[in-house]
Amino acid sequence: MTISGLPPIAVNGQGGLFDVRLLRDDQGHWVYLSLAGPHPAGGMGTELWRGRLVGDRIDAINNLFRMRHGGTSGRHFGGRLALDASYVYLTIGDRGEPERAQDLMDHAGSIIRLNHDGSVPTDNPFIGRQALPELYSIGHRNPQGAAFHPETGELWTHEHGPQGGDEINRISAGLNYGWPIITYGRNYGLGTPIGEGTEKEGLEQPLLYWDPSIAPSGMAFYRGNALPQWRNHWFVGALKAQTLVKLSQTSNGIRQNERLFRGEFGRIRDVREGPDGALYLLTDSARGQLIRLSAD
């Protein structure tokens, strides 16, 4: 089935359609889309759209968010969505311009929080400062995984580092996650340090980081019944490493348990638990696949 009614999408480099989420109310399903869109001032930027799913069409499509500043680069859009009972969270990459991730008047390199209708929550953490009101956290490079912890409700994300330094973070309101001031990655090709090192007071440390990079993409906490041996574990897809990473939570954070299906499926772009309790993987290639994992 082909779904029609999509808004304009800018396909360039890493830009395109990023994420799709459904939210049901008394009138049916809302469809939330994150994508790269053409910016009115030129270039492209990460956007959020919402419409009603009616059969095989999205009706009443409406733009809820557009980055304040676009960019000509085809890199680092972020674009992951996470929806809870009250809010929409959207990850936004630094657009290949690292310094933007520390600018409170720029959406690049941030996670934003909106109400379901696109309005700004009155308790967003940067309101009252010289800052954009949508900002929820800053200092991110290119977050491409987001999921809520099923017990605490906390938002967890992962993001690409440069040469090394892919991170998993627990996101809290108003915090700065450090990019590009601190990172466990290094400059491509040169291996030289970036910023001021790996730690600095007032900047958050990751729960886990990978060095060398795995290029993480997609993230899910599995609670299904189709794979009982995997229940209550985190799963992260990997592009460069072409693997599914199985993680477990510890008293001190999170640790890697296994790397599954190495090279069997290619680049894994997304991982989610389905309504049938199976785990689904989406691969990234010209002949991409949707793969269902279950014990039956």
Protein backbone atom coordinates (compact mmCIF):
# COMPACT_ATOMS: atom_id res chain seq x y z
CA MET A 1 0.00 0.00 0.00
CA THR A 2 1.23 3.49 -0.86
CA ILE A 3 0.24 6.32 1.50
CA SER A 4 -0.43 9.63 -0.24
CA GLY A 5 -0.79 13.16 1.07
CA LEU A 6 2.77 13.73 2.25
CA PRO A 7 4.18 17.27 2.45
CA PRO A 8 7.19 18.44 0.36
CA ILE A 9 10.32 16.45 1.27
CA ALA A 10 13.89 17.56 0.51
CA VAL A 11 15.91 14.50 -0.52
CA ASN A 12 19.60 15.36 -0.37
CA GLY A 13 22.44 13.40 1.23
CA GLN A 14 21.10 12.16 4.57
CA GLY A 15 17.93 14.23 4.12
CA GLY A 16 14.52 12.74 3.39
CA LEU A 17 11.65 11.22 5.38
CA PHE A 18 13.00 10.31 8.83
CA ASP A 19 10.34 8.99 11.18
CA VAL A 20 6.63 8.13 11.39
CA ARG A 21 4.60 7.85 14.58
CA LEU A 22 0.88 7.26 15.21
CA LEU A 23 -1.25 8.71 17.98
CA ARG A 24 -4.86 7.68 18.44
CA ASP A 25 -7.68 9.84 19.82
CA ASP A 26 -11.49 9.69 19.71
CA GLN A 27 -11.54 10.70 16.03
CA GLY A 28 -8.97 8.18 14.78
CA HIS A 29 -5.25 8.26 14.14
CA TRP A 30 -2.95 11.23 13.92
CA VAL A 31 0.18 10.62 11.85
CA TYR A 32 3.33 12.50 12.91
CA LEU A 33 6.09 12.81 10.32
CA SER A 34 9.62 14.13 10.72
CA LEU A 35 11.43 15.00 7.52
CA ALA A 36 13.88 17.28 5.77
CA GLY A 37 11.96 20.10 4.17
CA PRO A 38 12.89 23.08 1.99
CA HIS A 39 13.47 26.08 4.26
CA PRO A 40 11.75 29.37 3.30
CA ALA A 41 15.04 31.25 3.71
CA GLY A 42 16.94 28.72 1.59
CA GLY A 43 18.52 25.34 2.17
CA MET A 44 16.86 22.59 4.17
CA GLY A 45 15.93 21.86 7.75
CA THR A 46 14.31 19.26 9.99
CA GLU A 47 10.53 19.64 10.17
CA LEU A 48 7.54 18.10 12.01
CA TRP A 49 4.15 17.55 10.33
CA ARG A 50 0.85 16.10 11.51
CA GLY A 51 -2.21 14.84 9.64
CA ARG A 52 -5.14 12.44 9.89
CA LEU A 53 -4.75 8.93 8.52
CA VAL A 54 -7.83 8.21 6.41
CA GLY A 55 -7.55 4.93 4.50
CA ASP A 56 -4.43 5.18 2.37
CA ARG A 57 -4.14 8.97 2.60
CA ILE A 58 -2.94 11.54 5.12
CA ASP A 59 -5.54 14.34 5.24
CA ALA A 60 -5.46 17.77 6.89
CA ILE A 61 -1.65 17.75 6.88
CA ASN A 62 -0.23 20.61 8.89
CA ASN A 63 3.28 21.84 9.68
CA LEU A 64 3.88 21.87 13.45
CA PHE A 65 7.55 22.84 13.50
CA ARG A 66 10.31 24.11 11.24
CA MET A 67 13.90 24.91 12.27
CA ARG A 68 14.61 28.60 12.69
CA HIS A 69 17.65 28.35 10.42
CA GLY A 70 18.09 26.00 7.48
CA GLY A 71 21.35 24.88 5.95
CA THR A 72 22.79 23.73 2.66
CA SER A 73 24.51 20.65 4.08
CA GLY A 74 22.96 17.23 3.48
CA ARG A 75 24.22 15.99 6.85
CA HIS A 76 23.07 15.58 10.45
CA PHE A 77 19.33 16.17 10.48
CA GLY A 78 18.52 13.98 13.50
CA GLY A 79 14.81 13.47 12.88
CA ARG A 80 13.75 10.86 15.47
CA LEU A 81 10.34 11.22 17.08
CA ALA A 82 9.12 10.07 20.50
CA LEU A 83 5.55 10.64 21.69
CA ASP A 84 4.18 10.17 25.19
CA ALA A 85 0.75 10.98 26.61
CA SER A 86 1.41 14.73 26.63
CA TYR A 87 4.32 15.68 24.40
CA VAL A 88 6.17 15.20 21.13
CA TYR A 89 9.96 15.07 21.27
CA LEU A 90 12.00 15.62 18.10
CA THR A 91 15.76 15.16 17.78
CA ILE A 92 17.65 17.62 15.58
CA GLY A 93 21.24 17.21 14.40
CA ASP A 94 23.86 19.93 14.19
CA ARG A 95 23.49 20.04 10.37
CA GLY A 96 27.24 19.48 9.96
CA GLU A 97 28.03 22.77 11.74
CA PRO A 98 29.07 21.74 15.27
CA GLU A 99 29.10 25.19 16.84
CA ARG A 100 25.36 25.50 16.26
CA ALA A 101 24.71 22.83 18.93
CA GLN A 102 25.65 25.32 21.69
CA ASP A 103 23.60 28.26 20.35
CA LEU A 104 20.37 28.73 22.31
CA MET A 105 18.93 30.77 19.45
CA ASP A 106 19.34 27.86 17.02
CA HIS A 107 17.44 24.55 16.95
CA ALA A 108 20.40 22.67 15.47
CA GLY A 109 21.98 20.12 17.81
CA SER A 110 19.00 19.98 20.17
CA ILE A 111 16.01 17.95 21.29
CA ILE A 112 12.81 19.95 21.24
CA ARG A 113 9.55 19.34 23.11
CA LEU A 114 6.10 20.35 21.86
CA ASN A 115 2.52 19.68 22.84
CA HIS A 116 0.70 17.26 20.54
CA ASP A 117 -0.81 20.16 18.58
CA GLY A 118 2.59 21.79 18.02
CA SER A 119 2.24 24.49 20.66
CA VAL A 120 5.06 25.06 23.14
CA PRO A 121 4.65 23.69 26.70
CA THR A 122 4.69 26.52 29.21
CA ASP A 123 7.20 24.66 31.43
CA ASN A 124 9.83 24.03 28.76
CA PRO A 125 13.19 24.48 30.49
CA PHE A 126 14.68 27.34 28.44
CA ILE A 127 11.62 29.61 28.59
CA GLY A 128 12.52 32.87 30.31
CA ARG A 129 16.07 32.83 28.96
CA GLN A 130 17.52 34.26 25.76
CA ALA A 131 16.68 31.02 23.98
CA LEU A 132 14.24 29.39 21.61
CA PRO A 133 11.21 28.18 23.59
CA GLU A 134 11.01 24.75 21.94
CA LEU A 135 14.42 23.66 23.27
CA TYR A 136 14.41 20.79 25.77
CA SER A 137 18.11 19.82 25.73
CA ILE A 138 21.16 20.97 23.75
CA GLY A 139 24.68 19.87 22.81
CA HIS A 140 23.75 16.98 20.52
CA ARG A 141 25.57 15.98 17.33
CA ASN A 142 23.15 13.76 15.39
CA PRO A 143 20.62 11.78 17.48
CA GLN A 144 19.03 8.97 15.45
CA GLY A 145 17.45 6.85 18.16
CA ALA A 146 14.85 7.73 20.81
CA ALA A 147 12.73 5.60 23.15
CA PHE A 148 11.04 5.95 26.53
CA HIS A 149 12.07 3.80 29.45
CA PRO A 150 8.94 1.70 30.12
CA GLU A 151 9.18 1.97 33.92
CA THR A 152 10.50 5.48 34.55
CA GLY A 153 9.09 7.22 31.46
CA GLU A 154 12.49 8.84 30.88
CA LEU A 155 13.52 9.63 27.33
CA TRP A 156 16.68 7.82 26.24
CA THR A 157 18.45 8.66 22.99
CA HIS A 158 21.57 7.72 21.11
CA GLU A 159 23.57 9.80 18.68
CA HIS A 160 26.42 9.54 16.22
CA GLY A 161 29.83 10.66 17.34
CA PRO A 162 32.52 11.59 14.82
CA GLN A 163 35.40 9.08 14.61
CA GLY A 164 34.36 7.24 17.76
CA GLY A 165 32.15 8.60 20.50
CA ASP A 166 28.69 7.30 19.58
CA GLU A 167 26.61 7.87 22.73
CA ILE A 168 23.55 6.72 24.66
CA ASN A 169 22.08 9.45 26.86
CA ARG A 170 19.30 9.79 29.40
CA ILE A 171 17.60 13.07 28.49
CA SER A 172 16.57 15.53 31.19
CA ALA A 173 15.08 18.99 30.81
CA GLY A 174 17.51 21.85 30.29
CA LEU A 175 20.74 19.84 30.25
CA ASN A 176 23.70 20.29 27.93
CA TYR A 177 25.12 17.07 26.46
CA GLY A 178 28.38 18.63 25.48
CA TRP A 179 28.87 18.53 21.70
CA PRO A 180 31.29 19.85 20.43
CA ILE A 181 32.91 20.99 23.68
CA ILE A 182 33.38 17.44 24.95
CA THR A 183 33.27 14.15 23.06
CA TYR A 184 34.84 10.70 23.03
CA GLY A 185 35.24 10.99 19.26
CA ARG A 186 38.09 12.45 17.23
CA ASN A 187 38.54 14.37 14.00
CA TYR A 188 37.98 12.23 10.92
CA GLY A 189 41.16 10.99 9.29
CA LEU A 190 43.41 12.91 11.67
CA GLY A 191 42.65 11.26 14.99
CA THR A 192 43.16 14.60 16.75
CA PRO A 193 41.06 15.68 19.74
CA ILE A 194 37.86 17.71 19.36
CA GLY A 195 36.94 20.46 21.78
CA GLU A 196 38.21 20.42 25.36
CA GLY A 197 38.43 16.68 26.01
CA THR A 198 35.95 14.10 27.28
CA GLU A 199 34.64 15.76 30.46
CA LYS A 200 33.79 19.24 31.70
CA GLU A 201 31.81 20.47 34.67
CA GLY A 202 28.22 21.28 33.79
CA LEU A 203 28.17 19.02 30.71
CA GLU A 204 26.54 15.60 30.76
CA GLN A 205 28.37 12.30 30.42
CA PRO A 206 26.83 9.52 28.27
CA LEU A 207 25.46 6.36 29.85
CA LEU A 208 27.49 4.40 27.30
CA TYR A 209 29.73 5.26 24.37
CA TRP A 210 31.25 3.27 21.52
CA ASP A 211 34.81 3.69 20.30
CA PRO A 212 35.23 2.76 17.50
CA SER A 213 31.88 3.92 16.19
CA ILE A 214 29.05 1.56 15.27
CA ALA A 215 26.91 4.34 13.66
CA PRO A 216 23.75 3.68 15.76
CA SER A 217 20.29 4.12 14.28
CA GLY A 218 16.95 3.14 15.78
CA MET A 219 16.34 2.21 19.41
CA ALA A 220 13.74 0.14 21.27
CA PHE A 221 13.15 -1.34 24.71
CA TYR A 222 11.70 -4.81 24.20
CA ARG A 223 8.85 -6.07 26.42
CA GLY A 224 7.17 -8.49 24.02
CA ASN A 225 6.39 -12.19 24.29
CA ALA A 226 7.59 -13.39 20.88
CA LEU A 227 11.22 -13.39 22.07
CA PRO A 228 11.02 -14.12 25.81
CA GLN A 229 14.79 -14.50 26.16
CA TRP A 230 15.20 -10.88 25.02
CA ARG A 231 12.51 -9.33 27.19
CA ASN A 232 13.53 -6.25 29.20
CA HIS A 233 16.57 -5.48 27.05
CA TRP A 234 17.40 -2.45 24.94
CA PHE A 235 18.14 -2.90 21.22
CA VAL A 236 20.04 -0.54 18.93
CA GLY A 237 20.53 -0.92 15.20
CA ALA A 238 23.89 -0.11 13.64
CA LEU A 239 24.64 1.18 10.15
CA LYS A 240 28.42 1.00 9.86
CA ALA A 241 28.72 -2.09 12.09
CA GLN A 242 25.76 -3.79 10.32
CA THR A 243 24.56 -5.40 13.52
CA LEU A 244 21.83 -5.38 16.15
CA VAL A 245 23.23 -4.43 19.55
CA LYS A 246 21.60 -5.98 22.64
CA LEU A 247 21.98 -3.96 25.83
CA SER A 248 20.98 -4.38 29.46
CA GLN A 249 20.51 -1.84 32.22
CA THR A 250 22.75 -1.98 35.28
CA SER A 251 22.81 -0.08 38.57
CA ASN A 252 25.42 2.22 37.04
CA GLY A 253 23.85 2.76 33.62
CA ILE A 254 23.81 0.42 30.65
CA ARG A 255 26.16 -2.17 29.17
CA GLN A 256 26.50 -3.98 25.88
CA ASN A 257 25.65 -7.70 26.00
CA GLU A 258 25.86 -8.93 22.41
CA ARG A 259 26.17 -7.91 18.78
CA LEU A 260 23.67 -9.98 16.81
CA PHE A 261 23.35 -10.80 13.09
CA ARG A 262 26.72 -9.23 12.19
CA GLY A 263 26.69 -8.53 8.47
CA GLU A 264 23.64 -10.76 7.86
CA PHE A 265 21.15 -8.02 7.04
CA GLY A 266 23.39 -5.07 6.15
CA ARG A 267 22.87 -1.59 7.56
CA ILE A 268 20.12 -1.57 10.20
CA ARG A 269 18.28 1.75 10.12
CA ASP A 270 15.53 1.17 12.67
CA VAL A 271 14.39 -1.30 15.33
CA ARG A 272 10.94 -1.43 16.95
CA GLU A 273 8.66 -3.78 18.84
CA GLY A 274 5.53 -4.56 16.84
CA PRO A 275 1.96 -4.92 18.15
CA ASP A 276 2.35 -8.70 17.76
CA GLY A 277 5.24 -8.75 20.21
CA ALA A 278 7.89 -9.43 17.56
CA LEU A 279 10.97 -7.27 17.03
CA TYR A 280 11.19 -5.56 13.63
CA LEU A 281 14.31 -4.35 11.85
CA LEU A 282 14.40 -1.96 8.90
CA THR A 283 17.48 -2.09 6.69
CA ASP A 284 19.04 0.77 4.77
CA SER A 285 19.90 0.06 1.13
CA ALA A 286 18.52 0.31 -2.39
CA ARG A 287 16.99 -3.13 -1.69
CA GLY A 288 16.00 -2.46 1.92
CA GLN A 289 14.01 -5.01 3.90
CA LEU A 290 11.59 -5.12 6.82
CA ILE A 291 12.67 -8.10 8.95
CA ARG A 292 10.50 -9.75 11.63
CA LEU A 293 12.23 -11.51 14.53
CA SER A 294 10.33 -13.96 16.71
CA ALA A 295 10.79 -17.37 18.32
CA ASP A 296 8.00 -19.03 16.28
